[in-house]
């Protein structure tokens, strides 16, 4: 399976928060970068774009942290997903 590109990940995030315009692209790209950094720091390994769980975690992070419509449920799910990702990487 080929990894998800940054553009594909951005499109997935935009779909998740129901945005079609490019107005918020730079903000979303920043959140994607922050999510990747958070996953890498929390799991002590590099973000893996081929891992579906990690890509889904990025979407949950963006959805949970998007400033104009933050979603607490998505943020909670991101935290739980992060624990699973960390446990898998340790094994």
N, C-alpha and C. Protein backbone atom coordinates (compact mmCIF):
# COMPACT_ATOMS: atom_id res chain seq x y z
N UNK A 1 0.84 -1.18 0.00
CA UNK A 1 0.00 0.00 0.00
C UNK A 1 0.89 1.25 0.00
N UNK A 2 0.61 2.14 -0.89
CA UNK A 2 1.36 3.39 -0.96
C UNK A 2 0.90 4.32 0.16
N UNK A 3 1.81 5.12 0.63
CA UNK A 3 1.48 6.06 1.70
C UNK A 3 0.57 7.17 1.22
N UNK A 4 -0.06 7.81 2.15
CA UNK A 4 -0.95 8.93 1.84
C UNK A 4 -0.11 10.20 1.69
N UNK A 5 -0.30 10.91 0.61
CA UNK A 5 0.44 12.15 0.40
C UNK A 5 -0.14 13.24 1.30
N UNK A 6 0.62 14.32 1.46
CA UNK A 6 0.15 15.44 2.26
C UNK A 6 -1.14 16.03 1.67
N UNK A 7 -1.21 16.08 0.34
CA UNK A 7 -2.40 16.62 -0.32
C UNK A 7 -3.62 15.73 -0.07
N UNK A 8 -3.43 14.42 -0.13
CA UNK A 8 -4.53 13.49 0.14
C UNK A 8 -4.99 13.60 1.59
N UNK A 9 -4.03 13.75 2.49
CA UNK A 9 -4.35 13.89 3.90
C UNK A 9 -5.12 15.20 4.15
N UNK A 10 -4.70 16.27 3.48
CA UNK A 10 -5.40 17.55 3.61
C UNK A 10 -6.84 17.43 3.09
N UNK A 11 -7.01 16.77 1.96
CA UNK A 11 -8.35 16.58 1.40
C UNK A 11 -9.23 15.79 2.36
N UNK A 12 -8.67 14.75 2.95
CA UNK A 12 -9.41 13.93 3.91
C UNK A 12 -9.82 14.76 5.13
N UNK A 13 -8.91 15.59 5.61
CA UNK A 13 -9.21 16.46 6.76
C UNK A 13 -10.29 17.47 6.41
N UNK A 14 -10.18 18.08 5.23
CA UNK A 14 -11.17 19.07 4.81
C UNK A 14 -12.55 18.44 4.68
N UNK A 15 -12.61 17.23 4.16
CA UNK A 15 -13.87 16.53 4.04
C UNK A 15 -14.45 16.26 5.42
N UNK A 16 -13.59 15.88 6.34
CA UNK A 16 -14.02 15.57 7.70
C UNK A 16 -14.63 16.78 8.41
N UNK A 17 -14.05 17.96 8.18
CA UNK A 17 -14.60 19.16 8.82
C UNK A 17 -15.55 19.93 7.90
N UNK A 18 -15.86 19.30 6.77
CA UNK A 18 -16.86 19.83 5.82
C UNK A 18 -16.48 21.19 5.26
N UNK A 19 -15.25 21.28 4.78
CA UNK A 19 -14.78 22.51 4.15
C UNK A 19 -14.39 22.19 2.72
N UNK A 20 -14.87 23.01 1.79
CA UNK A 20 -14.52 22.80 0.38
C UNK A 20 -13.65 23.90 -0.19
N UNK A 21 -13.66 25.07 0.41
CA UNK A 21 -12.87 26.19 -0.12
C UNK A 21 -11.41 26.05 0.29
N UNK A 22 -10.57 26.85 -0.33
CA UNK A 22 -9.14 26.83 0.00
C UNK A 22 -8.78 27.88 1.06
N UNK A 23 -9.76 28.58 1.56
CA UNK A 23 -9.55 29.66 2.51
C UNK A 23 -8.75 29.21 3.74
N UNK A 24 -9.03 28.03 4.23
CA UNK A 24 -8.40 27.57 5.46
C UNK A 24 -7.26 26.57 5.22
N UNK A 25 -6.81 26.43 3.98
CA UNK A 25 -5.79 25.44 3.66
C UNK A 25 -4.52 25.59 4.49
N UNK A 26 -4.02 26.80 4.63
CA UNK A 26 -2.77 26.97 5.38
C UNK A 26 -2.97 26.62 6.86
N UNK A 27 -4.12 26.93 7.41
CA UNK A 27 -4.42 26.57 8.79
C UNK A 27 -4.49 25.05 8.95
N UNK A 28 -5.16 24.40 8.01
CA UNK A 28 -5.29 22.95 8.04
C UNK A 28 -3.93 22.29 7.86
N UNK A 29 -3.11 22.81 6.95
CA UNK A 29 -1.76 22.27 6.76
C UNK A 29 -0.94 22.40 8.04
N UNK A 30 -1.10 23.52 8.74
CA UNK A 30 -0.40 23.70 10.01
C UNK A 30 -0.85 22.70 11.07
N UNK A 31 -2.16 22.44 11.12
CA UNK A 31 -2.68 21.46 12.06
C UNK A 31 -2.22 20.05 11.70
N UNK A 32 -2.13 19.74 10.42
CA UNK A 32 -1.64 18.44 9.98
C UNK A 32 -0.18 18.27 10.43
N UNK A 33 0.62 19.30 10.23
CA UNK A 33 2.02 19.25 10.66
C UNK A 33 2.13 19.08 12.17
N UNK A 34 1.28 19.79 12.91
CA UNK A 34 1.29 19.67 14.37
C UNK A 34 0.88 18.27 14.80
N UNK A 35 -0.10 17.70 14.11
CA UNK A 35 -0.55 16.34 14.44
C UNK A 35 0.57 15.33 14.19
N UNK A 36 1.24 15.45 13.05
CA UNK A 36 2.36 14.54 12.75
C UNK A 36 3.45 14.66 13.79
N UNK A 37 3.77 15.89 14.17
CA UNK A 37 4.79 16.12 15.20
C UNK A 37 4.37 15.52 16.53
N UNK A 38 3.11 15.69 16.88
CA UNK A 38 2.60 15.16 18.14
C UNK A 38 2.65 13.64 18.16
N UNK A 39 2.26 13.03 17.05
CA UNK A 39 2.30 11.57 16.96
C UNK A 39 3.74 11.08 17.06
N UNK A 40 4.64 11.72 16.35
CA UNK A 40 6.05 11.34 16.39
C UNK A 40 6.63 11.49 17.79
N UNK A 41 6.34 12.61 18.44
CA UNK A 41 6.87 12.86 19.77
C UNK A 41 6.27 11.89 20.80
N UNK A 42 4.98 11.63 20.69
CA UNK A 42 4.31 10.76 21.65
C UNK A 42 4.72 9.30 21.51
N UNK A 43 5.02 8.89 20.28
CA UNK A 43 5.36 7.50 20.02
C UNK A 43 6.87 7.28 19.88
N UNK A 44 7.62 8.36 19.90
CA UNK A 44 9.09 8.32 19.82
C UNK A 44 9.59 7.67 18.52
N UNK A 45 8.81 7.80 17.46
CA UNK A 45 9.21 7.35 16.13
C UNK A 45 8.62 8.29 15.09
N UNK A 46 9.16 8.25 13.89
CA UNK A 46 8.70 9.11 12.80
C UNK A 46 7.26 8.76 12.39
N UNK A 47 6.47 9.77 12.04
CA UNK A 47 5.12 9.57 11.52
C UNK A 47 5.18 8.68 10.29
N UNK A 48 4.28 7.72 10.19
CA UNK A 48 4.25 6.77 9.07
C UNK A 48 3.00 7.00 8.23
N UNK A 49 3.18 7.59 7.05
CA UNK A 49 2.03 7.91 6.18
C UNK A 49 1.39 6.67 5.58
N UNK A 50 2.01 5.51 5.74
CA UNK A 50 1.42 4.26 5.24
C UNK A 50 0.55 3.57 6.28
N UNK A 51 0.56 4.09 7.49
CA UNK A 51 -0.23 3.51 8.57
C UNK A 51 -1.60 4.19 8.61
N UNK A 52 -2.65 3.42 8.33
CA UNK A 52 -4.00 3.98 8.30
C UNK A 52 -4.39 4.57 9.65
N UNK A 53 -3.97 3.92 10.73
CA UNK A 53 -4.31 4.43 12.07
C UNK A 53 -3.69 5.80 12.32
N UNK A 54 -2.46 5.99 11.87
CA UNK A 54 -1.80 7.27 12.06
C UNK A 54 -2.45 8.36 11.21
N UNK A 55 -2.82 8.01 9.99
CA UNK A 55 -3.49 8.99 9.12
C UNK A 55 -4.86 9.36 9.69
N UNK A 56 -5.57 8.38 10.21
CA UNK A 56 -6.87 8.67 10.82
C UNK A 56 -6.70 9.52 12.07
N UNK A 57 -5.62 9.28 12.81
CA UNK A 57 -5.34 10.09 14.00
C UNK A 57 -5.11 11.55 13.61
N UNK A 58 -4.45 11.78 12.49
CA UNK A 58 -4.23 13.15 12.01
C UNK A 58 -5.58 13.81 11.73
N UNK A 59 -6.47 13.11 11.09
CA UNK A 59 -7.80 13.65 10.80
C UNK A 59 -8.53 14.00 12.10
N UNK A 60 -8.46 13.12 13.08
CA UNK A 60 -9.11 13.39 14.37
C UNK A 60 -8.49 14.60 15.06
N UNK A 61 -7.17 14.73 14.97
CA UNK A 61 -6.47 15.88 15.56
C UNK A 61 -6.97 17.17 14.92
N UNK A 62 -6.98 17.20 13.59
CA UNK A 62 -7.40 18.41 12.88
C UNK A 62 -8.86 18.74 13.22
N UNK A 63 -9.70 17.73 13.21
CA UNK A 63 -11.12 17.95 13.52
C UNK A 63 -11.30 18.43 14.96
N UNK A 64 -10.50 17.90 15.86
CA UNK A 64 -10.60 18.29 17.26
C UNK A 64 -10.03 19.66 17.56
N UNK A 65 -9.06 20.11 16.76
CA UNK A 65 -8.37 21.36 17.04
C UNK A 65 -8.74 22.50 16.09
N UNK A 66 -9.55 22.24 15.08
CA UNK A 66 -9.91 23.29 14.14
C UNK A 66 -10.59 24.42 14.89
N UNK A 67 -10.02 25.63 14.87
CA UNK A 67 -10.47 26.69 15.77
C UNK A 67 -11.89 27.21 15.55
N UNK A 68 -12.44 27.04 14.37
CA UNK A 68 -13.78 27.59 14.12
C UNK A 68 -14.90 26.61 14.44
N UNK A 69 -14.54 25.36 14.68
CA UNK A 69 -15.54 24.36 15.05
C UNK A 69 -14.85 23.19 15.75
N UNK A 70 -14.19 23.45 16.90
CA UNK A 70 -13.48 22.36 17.57
C UNK A 70 -14.46 21.27 18.01
N UNK A 71 -14.04 20.04 17.87
CA UNK A 71 -14.89 18.89 18.16
C UNK A 71 -14.25 18.10 19.30
N UNK A 72 -14.82 18.24 20.49
CA UNK A 72 -14.26 17.60 21.68
C UNK A 72 -14.26 16.08 21.56
N UNK A 73 -15.28 15.52 20.95
CA UNK A 73 -15.36 14.07 20.78
C UNK A 73 -14.20 13.58 19.90
N UNK A 74 -13.91 14.30 18.84
CA UNK A 74 -12.79 13.92 17.96
C UNK A 74 -11.46 14.03 18.71
N UNK A 75 -11.32 15.06 19.54
CA UNK A 75 -10.09 15.23 20.32
C UNK A 75 -9.92 14.06 21.29
N UNK A 76 -11.00 13.65 21.95
CA UNK A 76 -10.93 12.50 22.86
C UNK A 76 -10.56 11.23 22.10
N UNK A 77 -11.16 11.05 20.93
CA UNK A 77 -10.83 9.87 20.11
C UNK A 77 -9.38 9.91 19.66
N UNK A 78 -8.87 11.10 19.36
CA UNK A 78 -7.46 11.24 18.97
C UNK A 78 -6.56 10.78 20.11
N UNK A 79 -6.87 11.20 21.33
CA UNK A 79 -6.06 10.80 22.48
C UNK A 79 -6.05 9.29 22.66
N UNK A 80 -7.19 8.66 22.49
CA UNK A 80 -7.28 7.20 22.60
C UNK A 80 -6.51 6.53 21.46
N UNK A 81 -6.65 7.05 20.26
CA UNK A 81 -5.95 6.49 19.10
C UNK A 81 -4.44 6.62 19.28
N UNK A 82 -4.01 7.72 19.86
CA UNK A 82 -2.59 7.94 20.10
C UNK A 82 -2.02 6.88 21.04
N UNK A 83 -2.78 6.49 22.04
CA UNK A 83 -2.34 5.42 22.93
C UNK A 83 -2.19 4.10 22.20
N UNK A 84 -3.12 3.81 21.31
CA UNK A 84 -3.04 2.58 20.53
C UNK A 84 -1.83 2.59 19.60
N UNK A 85 -1.61 3.70 18.94
CA UNK A 85 -0.48 3.82 18.03
C UNK A 85 0.83 3.64 18.80
N UNK A 86 0.94 4.28 19.94
CA UNK A 86 2.14 4.16 20.76
C UNK A 86 2.39 2.73 21.20
N UNK A 87 1.35 2.04 21.60
CA UNK A 87 1.48 0.65 22.03
C UNK A 87 1.92 -0.23 20.87
N UNK A 88 1.36 -0.04 19.70
CA UNK A 88 1.74 -0.84 18.53
C UNK A 88 3.19 -0.62 18.14
N UNK A 89 3.66 0.60 18.24
CA UNK A 89 5.03 0.91 17.82
C UNK A 89 6.05 0.33 18.79
N UNK A 90 5.66 0.19 20.05
CA UNK A 90 6.58 -0.36 21.05
C UNK A 90 6.79 -1.84 20.79
N UNK A 91 5.76 -2.54 20.35
CA UNK A 91 5.83 -4.00 20.17
C UNK A 91 6.70 -4.40 19.04
